[in-house]
N, C-alpha and C. Protein backbone atom coordinates (compact mmCIF):
# COMPACT_ATOMS: atom_id res chain seq x y z
N MET A 1 0.84 -1.18 0.00
CA MET A 1 0.00 0.00 0.00
C MET A 1 0.88 1.24 0.00
N LEU A 2 0.58 2.14 -0.88
CA LEU A 2 1.35 3.38 -1.01
C LEU A 2 0.73 4.45 -0.10
N THR A 3 1.55 5.07 0.70
CA THR A 3 1.07 6.13 1.56
C THR A 3 1.73 7.44 1.15
N LEU A 4 1.14 8.54 1.56
CA LEU A 4 1.69 9.84 1.21
C LEU A 4 3.09 10.03 1.81
N VAL A 5 3.28 9.53 3.03
CA VAL A 5 4.59 9.69 3.68
C VAL A 5 5.66 8.96 2.87
N SER A 6 5.38 7.72 2.47
CA SER A 6 6.38 6.97 1.71
C SER A 6 6.62 7.62 0.35
N LYS A 7 5.57 8.18 -0.26
CA LYS A 7 5.76 8.85 -1.54
C LYS A 7 6.62 10.09 -1.39
N LEU A 8 6.39 10.88 -0.34
CA LEU A 8 7.20 12.06 -0.10
C LEU A 8 8.66 11.70 0.14
N MET A 9 8.89 10.61 0.89
CA MET A 9 10.26 10.19 1.15
C MET A 9 10.93 9.70 -0.13
N ARG A 10 10.17 8.98 -0.95
CA ARG A 10 10.73 8.48 -2.21
C ARG A 10 11.03 9.66 -3.15
N ASP A 11 10.18 10.67 -3.15
CA ASP A 11 10.42 11.85 -3.98
C ASP A 11 11.67 12.60 -3.54
N LYS A 12 11.98 12.55 -2.24
CA LYS A 12 13.18 13.20 -1.74
C LYS A 12 14.43 12.36 -2.00
N GLY A 13 14.25 11.11 -2.46
CA GLY A 13 15.38 10.26 -2.76
C GLY A 13 16.02 9.63 -1.54
N VAL A 14 15.25 9.43 -0.50
CA VAL A 14 15.79 8.85 0.73
C VAL A 14 15.85 7.34 0.58
N LYS A 15 17.05 6.77 0.71
CA LYS A 15 17.22 5.33 0.58
C LYS A 15 17.80 4.72 1.85
N ASP A 16 18.42 5.52 2.68
CA ASP A 16 19.07 5.05 3.90
C ASP A 16 18.01 4.86 4.99
N PRO A 17 17.86 3.64 5.56
CA PRO A 17 16.83 3.41 6.58
C PRO A 17 16.99 4.27 7.83
N ILE A 18 18.20 4.67 8.15
CA ILE A 18 18.41 5.53 9.33
C ILE A 18 17.76 6.88 9.11
N HIS A 19 17.86 7.40 7.89
CA HIS A 19 17.27 8.72 7.61
C HIS A 19 15.75 8.63 7.43
N LEU A 20 15.24 7.46 7.12
CA LEU A 20 13.78 7.31 6.98
C LEU A 20 13.07 7.68 8.27
N ALA A 21 13.60 7.23 9.40
CA ALA A 21 12.96 7.52 10.69
C ALA A 21 13.00 9.02 10.99
N GLN A 22 14.04 9.69 10.55
CA GLN A 22 14.16 11.14 10.82
C GLN A 22 13.19 11.93 9.96
N LEU A 23 12.81 11.41 8.80
CA LEU A 23 11.94 12.16 7.89
C LEU A 23 10.47 11.80 8.02
N ARG A 24 10.11 10.97 8.98
CA ARG A 24 8.71 10.60 9.15
C ARG A 24 7.88 11.86 9.39
N THR A 25 6.80 11.99 8.65
CA THR A 25 5.93 13.14 8.79
C THR A 25 4.78 12.80 9.72
N PRO A 26 4.50 13.60 10.71
CA PRO A 26 3.36 13.32 11.59
C PRO A 26 2.06 13.33 10.79
N HIS A 27 1.07 12.60 11.29
CA HIS A 27 -0.20 12.51 10.58
C HIS A 27 -0.83 13.88 10.37
N LEU A 28 -0.65 14.78 11.31
CA LEU A 28 -1.22 16.10 11.17
C LEU A 28 -0.65 16.82 9.96
N SER A 29 0.64 16.69 9.73
CA SER A 29 1.27 17.35 8.59
C SER A 29 0.76 16.77 7.28
N VAL A 30 0.55 15.46 7.25
CA VAL A 30 0.04 14.82 6.03
C VAL A 30 -1.38 15.31 5.75
N ARG A 31 -2.20 15.38 6.79
CA ARG A 31 -3.56 15.89 6.61
C ARG A 31 -3.55 17.35 6.14
N TYR A 32 -2.65 18.12 6.67
CA TYR A 32 -2.53 19.52 6.29
C TYR A 32 -2.18 19.65 4.81
N LYS A 33 -1.24 18.85 4.33
CA LYS A 33 -0.85 18.89 2.92
C LYS A 33 -2.00 18.49 2.02
N LEU A 34 -2.75 17.47 2.42
CA LEU A 34 -3.91 17.05 1.63
C LEU A 34 -5.00 18.12 1.64
N LEU A 35 -5.19 18.77 2.80
CA LEU A 35 -6.21 19.80 2.91
C LEU A 35 -5.89 20.99 2.02
N ILE A 36 -4.63 21.36 1.94
CA ILE A 36 -4.22 22.49 1.09
C ILE A 36 -4.57 22.19 -0.37
N LYS A 37 -4.31 20.96 -0.80
CA LYS A 37 -4.64 20.60 -2.18
C LYS A 37 -6.14 20.65 -2.45
N LYS A 38 -6.94 20.21 -1.46
CA LYS A 38 -8.39 20.22 -1.61
C LYS A 38 -8.93 21.65 -1.65
N VAL A 39 -8.37 22.53 -0.83
CA VAL A 39 -8.83 23.93 -0.81
C VAL A 39 -8.55 24.60 -2.14
N VAL A 40 -7.38 24.34 -2.72
CA VAL A 40 -7.05 24.90 -4.03
C VAL A 40 -8.04 24.41 -5.07
N ASP A 41 -8.36 23.11 -5.03
CA ASP A 41 -9.35 22.54 -5.94
C ASP A 41 -10.72 23.19 -5.75
N LEU A 42 -11.12 23.33 -4.50
CA LEU A 42 -12.42 23.93 -4.18
C LEU A 42 -12.53 25.35 -4.72
N GLU A 43 -11.51 26.15 -4.45
CA GLU A 43 -11.54 27.54 -4.92
C GLU A 43 -11.51 27.65 -6.42
N ALA A 44 -10.84 26.73 -7.10
CA ALA A 44 -10.76 26.76 -8.56
C ALA A 44 -12.10 26.39 -9.20
N ASN A 45 -12.89 25.57 -8.52
CA ASN A 45 -14.13 25.08 -9.12
C ASN A 45 -15.39 25.81 -8.61
N LEU A 46 -15.22 26.82 -7.81
CA LEU A 46 -16.39 27.57 -7.31
C LEU A 46 -16.95 28.49 -8.38
N PRO A 47 -18.25 28.62 -8.43
CA PRO A 47 -18.84 29.62 -9.33
C PRO A 47 -18.49 31.02 -8.85
N CYS A 48 -18.54 31.98 -9.73
CA CYS A 48 -18.15 33.36 -9.37
C CYS A 48 -19.07 33.98 -8.34
N THR A 49 -20.26 33.40 -8.14
CA THR A 49 -21.20 33.95 -7.16
C THR A 49 -20.93 33.46 -5.74
N CYS A 50 -20.01 32.52 -5.58
CA CYS A 50 -19.69 31.95 -4.26
C CYS A 50 -18.36 32.47 -3.76
N LYS A 51 -18.23 32.48 -2.44
CA LYS A 51 -17.00 32.94 -1.82
C LYS A 51 -16.67 32.00 -0.67
N VAL A 52 -15.39 31.69 -0.50
CA VAL A 52 -14.93 30.81 0.58
C VAL A 52 -14.26 31.68 1.63
N ASN A 53 -14.63 31.45 2.88
CA ASN A 53 -14.03 32.20 3.99
C ASN A 53 -13.56 31.21 5.04
N PHE A 54 -12.28 31.28 5.41
CA PHE A 54 -11.71 30.43 6.44
C PHE A 54 -11.22 31.29 7.60
N PRO A 55 -12.10 31.56 8.56
CA PRO A 55 -11.69 32.39 9.69
C PRO A 55 -10.71 31.61 10.58
N ASP A 56 -9.75 32.30 11.15
CA ASP A 56 -8.83 31.69 12.08
C ASP A 56 -9.56 31.41 13.38
N SER A 57 -9.38 30.20 13.87
CA SER A 57 -10.07 29.82 15.11
C SER A 57 -9.15 29.91 16.28
């Protein structure tokens, strides 16, 4: 099974198992990266009459 973390590590060219443990991305960071991609998709596909607002909580 391919996961986002393993894909990111493979894209960085990490082959040494010692460095793999150092580059592990926490689940929160993975979710954040996926969320950013979805927000960009959402904003690109919205009709001009709609507006997206993300207030800081």
